[in-house]
Protein backbone atom coordinates (compact mmCIF):
# COMPACT_ATOMS: atom_id res chain seq x y z
CA MET A 1 0.03 -0.10 0.22
CA ARG A 2 1.53 3.60 -0.88
CA PHE A 3 2.26 6.12 1.72
CA SER A 4 -0.39 8.41 0.18
CA GLN A 5 -3.63 5.59 1.11
CA LEU A 6 -2.12 5.32 4.32
CA MET A 7 -2.33 8.81 5.05
CA LYS A 8 -5.55 9.09 3.79
CA ILE A 9 -7.04 6.09 5.99
CA LEU A 10 -5.26 7.77 8.64
CA GLN A 11 -7.33 10.88 7.74
CA SER A 12 -10.09 9.44 7.78
CA TYR A 13 -9.86 7.65 11.66
CA LEU A 14 -9.01 10.98 12.63
CA THR A 15 -12.32 12.46 11.04
CA LEU A 16 -14.28 9.65 12.35
CA CYS A 17 -12.51 10.27 15.91
CA ARG A 18 -13.34 14.40 15.61
CA VAL A 19 -9.81 14.51 17.47
CA ASN A 20 -9.71 18.13 17.78
CA ILE A 21 -12.78 17.61 20.33
CA ALA A 22 -11.07 14.72 21.96
CA LEU A 23 -8.34 16.42 22.78
CA PHE A 24 -10.21 19.63 24.29
CA ALA A 25 -11.93 16.84 26.50
CA ALA A 26 -8.49 15.69 27.56
CA CYS A 27 -7.31 18.73 28.40
CA SER A 28 -10.32 19.99 30.79
CA ALA A 29 -9.78 16.43 32.50
CA ALA A 30 -6.10 17.45 32.87
CA THR A 31 -7.57 20.97 34.17
CA GLY A 32 -10.00 19.52 36.80
CA PHE A 33 -7.43 17.38 37.61
CA PHE A 34 -4.68 19.89 38.47
CA LEU A 35 -7.29 21.43 40.49
CA GLY A 36 -7.72 18.06 42.71
CA PRO A 37 -5.79 17.42 46.00
CA TRP A 38 -3.03 15.46 44.84
CA HIS A 39 -0.86 15.99 41.63
CA GLN A 40 1.29 13.15 39.91
CA PRO A 41 2.53 13.03 36.06
CA VAL A 42 2.10 9.45 35.57
CA ASP A 43 -1.64 9.68 36.38
CA VAL A 44 -1.95 12.54 34.40
CA LEU A 45 -0.69 11.21 31.55
CA VAL A 46 -2.67 7.98 31.75
CA LEU A 47 -5.84 10.48 32.69
CA THR A 48 -5.78 12.31 29.21
CA ILE A 49 -4.86 9.18 27.36
CA ALA A 50 -8.15 7.43 28.67
CA VAL A 51 -10.01 10.43 28.52
CA PHE A 52 -8.89 10.71 24.51
CA LEU A 53 -9.75 7.20 23.94
CA ILE A 54 -13.40 6.99 25.05
CA ALA A 55 -14.23 10.93 24.12
CA CYS A 56 -12.74 9.27 20.28
CA GLY A 57 -14.83 6.33 20.62
CA ALA A 58 -17.95 8.12 21.31
CA SER A 59 -17.24 10.53 18.18
CA ALA A 60 -17.33 7.63 15.84
CA MET A 61 -20.32 5.67 17.55
CA ASN A 62 -21.91 9.25 16.97
CA GLN A 63 -21.02 9.25 13.25
CA VAL A 64 -21.96 5.57 12.85
CA GLN A 65 -25.20 6.57 14.76
CA GLU A 66 -26.01 9.95 12.57
CA ARG A 67 -24.12 8.61 9.07
CA GLY A 68 -27.66 9.18 7.44
CA LEU A 69 -28.20 12.77 8.16
CA ASP A 70 -24.33 13.57 7.67
CA ALA A 71 -24.96 12.77 4.19
CA LYS A 72 -27.45 15.47 3.81
CA MET A 73 -25.76 18.16 5.59
CA GLU A 74 -23.50 19.94 3.34
CA ARG A 75 -20.89 20.50 6.48
CA THR A 76 -20.97 17.10 7.44
CA ARG A 77 -21.45 14.93 3.85
CA LEU A 78 -17.57 14.77 3.43
CA ARG A 79 -17.25 12.40 6.60
CA PRO A 80 -15.92 9.27 6.16
CA LEU A 81 -18.92 7.36 6.58
CA PRO A 82 -21.38 9.02 4.14
CA THR A 83 -18.27 9.12 1.28
CA HIS A 84 -17.61 5.39 2.06
CA ALA A 85 -14.47 5.76 3.26
CA ILE A 86 -14.69 3.53 6.00
CA THR A 87 -18.06 0.94 6.68
CA PRO A 88 -20.72 0.97 9.23
CA PRO A 89 -19.36 -2.02 11.04
CA ARG A 90 -15.62 -1.56 11.00
CA ALA A 91 -16.37 2.32 12.64
CA LEU A 92 -18.74 1.10 14.89
CA SER A 93 -16.05 -1.90 15.98
CA THR A 94 -13.65 1.12 16.13
CA SER A 95 -15.72 2.95 18.42
CA VAL A 96 -16.16 0.22 20.62
CA VAL A 97 -12.22 -0.62 21.39
CA LEU A 98 -11.39 2.66 21.96
CA ILE A 99 -14.35 3.47 24.62
CA ALA A 100 -13.42 0.12 25.97
CA SER A 101 -9.86 0.86 26.10
CA GLY A 102 -10.17 4.43 27.65
CA PHE A 103 -12.81 3.02 30.31
CA LEU A 104 -10.57 0.27 31.24
CA ALA A 105 -7.50 2.35 31.80
CA LEU A 106 -9.75 4.87 33.77
CA MET A 107 -10.88 1.63 36.21
CA PHE A 108 -7.14 0.57 37.13
CA SER A 109 -5.65 4.22 36.91
CA ALA A 110 -8.43 6.03 38.66
CA GLY A 111 -11.00 3.97 40.39
CA PRO A 112 -14.43 2.59 39.48
CA VAL A 113 -16.06 6.00 40.30
CA ALA A 114 -13.76 8.01 37.64
CA ALA A 115 -14.48 4.75 35.22
CA SER A 116 -18.21 5.53 36.20
CA LEU A 117 -17.92 8.87 35.12
CA GLY A 118 -16.25 8.36 31.59
CA LEU A 119 -18.71 5.72 30.87
CA SER A 120 -21.92 8.22 32.09
CA ALA A 121 -20.58 10.52 29.40
CA VAL A 122 -21.12 8.18 26.38
CA LEU A 123 -24.01 7.18 28.06
CA TRP A 124 -24.86 11.24 27.86
CA TYR A 125 -23.97 11.68 24.51
CA ASN A 126 -24.57 8.82 22.55
CA VAL A 127 -28.33 8.15 23.88
CA LEU A 128 -29.38 10.90 25.40
CA TYR A 129 -28.43 14.24 23.38
CA THR A 130 -28.49 11.92 20.23
CA TYR A 131 -32.18 11.28 21.03
CA LEU A 132 -33.26 14.99 22.03
CA LYS A 133 -31.26 16.10 18.80
CA ARG A 134 -34.26 14.84 17.15
CA ARG A 135 -36.68 15.66 19.13
CA THR A 136 -36.08 19.75 20.59
CA ALA A 137 -34.53 22.61 19.20
CA PHE A 138 -33.26 23.12 22.66
CA ALA A 139 -31.01 19.81 23.10
CA SER A 140 -27.60 21.74 23.25
CA VAL A 141 -29.00 22.86 26.80
CA PRO A 142 -28.76 19.40 28.48
CA GLY A 143 -26.41 18.23 26.11
CA ALA A 144 -23.59 20.67 27.29
CA VAL A 145 -23.91 18.25 30.58
CA VAL A 146 -20.96 16.05 28.79
CA GLY A 147 -18.61 19.32 29.13
CA MET A 148 -18.85 19.17 32.71
CA ILE A 149 -17.72 15.89 33.01
CA PRO A 150 -14.13 15.75 31.90
CA PRO A 151 -12.91 18.41 34.77
CA ALA A 152 -15.00 16.46 37.11
CA LEU A 153 -13.69 13.22 36.19
CA GLY A 154 -9.90 14.62 36.50
CA TRP A 155 -10.85 16.17 39.83
CA ILE A 156 -12.22 12.63 41.15
CA ALA A 157 -8.78 10.91 39.34
CA ALA A 158 -6.73 13.49 41.72
CA GLY A 159 -8.99 12.59 44.49
CA GLY A 160 -11.09 15.22 45.26
CA ASP A 161 -15.00 15.38 46.35
CA LEU A 162 -17.33 14.81 43.25
CA LEU A 163 -19.55 17.14 45.57
CA ASP A 164 -17.02 20.05 46.25
CA MET A 165 -18.61 23.50 45.68
CA ARG A 166 -15.10 23.98 43.99
CA LEU A 167 -15.34 21.56 41.75
CA VAL A 168 -19.24 22.26 40.54
CA ALA A 169 -18.35 26.20 39.99
CA GLY A 170 -15.16 25.00 37.71
CA CYS A 171 -17.91 22.78 36.15
CA PHE A 172 -20.65 25.31 35.72
CA VAL A 173 -17.95 27.59 33.37
CA PHE A 174 -17.87 24.59 30.87
CA PHE A 175 -21.25 24.13 30.91
CA LEU A 176 -22.25 27.77 30.04
CA TRP A 177 -19.36 27.90 27.25
CA GLN A 178 -20.35 24.85 25.73
CA VAL A 179 -23.90 25.91 24.71
CA PRO A 180 -23.15 29.09 22.83
CA HIS A 181 -20.04 27.18 21.40
CA PHE A 182 -22.59 25.19 19.50
CA TRP A 183 -25.45 27.77 19.20
CA LEU A 184 -22.92 29.97 17.03
CA LEU A 185 -22.23 27.08 14.69
CA LEU A 186 -26.15 27.05 14.08
CA LEU A 187 -25.87 30.49 12.66
CA ASN A 188 -24.24 29.40 9.39
CA HIS A 189 -25.67 25.96 9.45
CA GLY A 190 -29.51 26.22 11.04
CA GLU A 191 -30.69 25.36 7.68
CA GLU A 192 -28.57 22.44 6.90
CA TYR A 193 -30.39 20.85 9.94
CA GLU A 194 -34.02 21.88 8.72
CA LYS A 195 -33.28 20.41 5.82
CA ALA A 196 -31.89 16.94 6.83
CA GLY A 197 -35.25 16.81 9.39
CA LEU A 198 -33.60 17.90 12.31
CA PRO A 199 -34.86 20.68 14.63
CA SER A 200 -33.32 23.97 15.03
CA LEU A 201 -33.21 27.14 16.55
CA THR A 202 -33.38 29.04 13.40
CA GLY A 203 -36.77 27.32 12.83
CA VAL A 204 -37.78 28.65 15.78
CA LEU A 205 -36.50 32.09 16.17
CA SER A 206 -34.92 34.49 14.39
CA THR A 207 -31.08 35.36 13.81
CA LYS A 208 -31.66 38.37 15.65
CA GLN A 209 -33.31 36.37 18.86
CA ILE A 210 -30.92 33.74 18.14
CA ALA A 211 -27.68 36.48 18.33
CA ARG A 212 -29.28 37.82 21.68
CA ILE A 213 -29.50 34.57 22.99
CA ILE A 214 -25.98 33.99 22.42
CA PHE A 215 -24.86 36.91 23.68
CA VAL A 216 -26.80 36.64 27.07
CA TRP A 217 -24.94 32.77 27.24
CA ILE A 218 -21.34 34.44 26.12
CA CYS A 219 -21.74 37.01 28.93
CA ALA A 220 -23.03 34.51 31.44
CA ALA A 221 -19.49 32.09 30.19
CA ALA A 222 -17.10 34.86 30.71
CA THR A 223 -18.53 36.61 34.04
CA ALA A 224 -18.69 32.86 35.69
CA GLY A 225 -14.28 32.50 35.31
CA PRO A 226 -13.67 35.63 37.25
CA LEU A 227 -16.19 34.85 40.31
CA LEU A 228 -14.32 31.45 41.16
CA PRO A 229 -12.60 32.66 43.53
CA LEU A 230 -15.80 32.88 45.31
CA PHE A 231 -16.05 29.52 46.00
CA GLY A 232 -12.56 28.87 46.35
CA THR A 233 -11.91 26.86 42.79
CA VAL A 234 -8.82 29.91 42.48
CA ARG A 235 -7.34 31.36 45.61
CA SER A 236 -4.24 32.52 44.18
CA PRO A 237 -4.29 36.53 43.73
CA LEU A 238 -2.04 35.93 40.46
CA ILE A 239 -4.73 33.68 38.88
CA CYS A 240 -7.82 35.68 40.02
CA PHE A 241 -6.63 39.08 38.42
CA SER A 242 -5.34 37.33 35.51
CA LEU A 243 -8.87 35.98 34.74
CA ILE A 244 -10.38 39.32 34.31
CA PRO A 245 -8.68 40.27 30.68
CA PRO A 246 -10.27 36.97 29.12
CA ALA A 247 -13.63 37.54 30.28
CA ALA A 248 -13.63 41.16 29.43
CA TRP A 249 -12.60 40.75 26.31
CA LEU A 250 -15.25 37.93 25.25
CA VAL A 251 -17.85 40.36 26.48
CA TRP A 252 -16.11 43.12 23.89
CA LYS A 253 -15.95 40.66 21.08
CA ALA A 254 -19.38 38.78 21.58
CA ARG A 255 -20.93 42.88 20.97
CA THR A 256 -20.45 42.15 17.47
CA LEU A 257 -23.77 40.10 17.41
CA LEU A 258 -25.70 42.86 18.28
CA THR A 259 -23.69 45.43 16.10
CA ARG A 260 -22.88 43.65 13.12
CA HIS A 261 -25.12 40.57 11.09
CA PRO A 262 -25.42 38.04 13.53
CA VAL A 263 -24.25 35.47 10.44
CA PHE A 264 -21.05 37.29 9.71
CA SER A 265 -19.21 37.64 13.03
CA ALA A 266 -20.34 34.14 14.31
CA PRO A 267 -17.56 32.36 12.81
CA ALA A 268 -14.90 35.40 14.19
CA LEU A 269 -16.68 34.83 18.02
CA PHE A 270 -16.88 30.92 17.34
CA ARG A 271 -13.02 31.15 17.58
CA SER A 272 -12.67 33.36 19.96
CA ILE A 273 -14.94 31.76 22.77
CA ASN A 274 -12.45 28.62 22.12
CA ALA A 275 -9.78 30.58 23.16
CA TYR A 276 -11.22 31.89 25.96
CA ILE A 277 -11.87 28.35 27.41
CA PHE A 278 -8.58 27.23 26.50
CA LEU A 279 -6.83 30.82 28.58
CA VAL A 280 -9.16 29.43 30.89
CA MET A 281 -8.17 25.77 31.06
CA SER A 282 -4.26 27.13 31.14
CA LEU A 283 -4.95 29.38 34.25
CA LEU A 284 -6.93 26.82 36.16
CA SER A 285 -3.86 24.34 35.59
CA LEU A 286 -1.62 27.26 36.57
CA GLU A 287 -3.10 28.01 39.72
CA GLY A 288 -3.47 23.64 40.45
CA ILE A 289 0.55 23.32 40.17
CA LEU A 290 1.48 26.97 42.15
CA PHE A 291 -0.96 26.52 44.37
CA ARG A 292 -2.76 22.69 45.43
CA ALA A 293 -6.39 22.53 46.93
CA PRO A 294 -5.95 20.85 50.51
């Protein structure tokens, strides 16, 4: 087999697993870990690999589940299943192997609670959220709970308590971020969802209404970061003050939803809100490294 063919196959599997999303999940799990009571380099390495594998497997399974819908939408029609680059049975077997590998890695490295959280993320995403997407245009709100699980999983792996308010506050930031993250995509691709037979906000609300709602969500996500010190998630004065400029910057960028046509401002704002959450994760990880929770 030629090198070019191997690279094409590799690219198909990377697309199937949506590696960029899986890497984000792994990084958010590492953030939760660094905020936890104790750190070991080997532990965080195993944790991030395990979460990465589970996220890859869940994404692959989702593409198996929605291959018919993906074929109808311009944004997804070139994915490996609609183009027949990978067969559904092979994609499903890949998904099962990845999820099982990640689950076992969590079980033996972080314990049954962490492994159960990893499995619950798969069930929430591939069962509940996938079902709700076909029933309601607001499925992304309960679906955003998935974004809270990786940092919680990291916190548990580091010996933290699942009901600790420091964790709850930190996870809430991820929840608030995830909803506008998805709705910004809808501003440009909502009609594709409607044509594919999926409920979409664009079929329920006007573009300006959606833009105003997204603006409120973004302001909430931006505000939640600097408020983390109130819950003890962040204690270092340096990190506390460092969370303010990114929040102000994000609100400033979000104003374009109200001052320009939302469809034109959505792509740049989508990149901005992703940059914001990565800045927050970096600062929270630095907080955990420099100032460990007792």
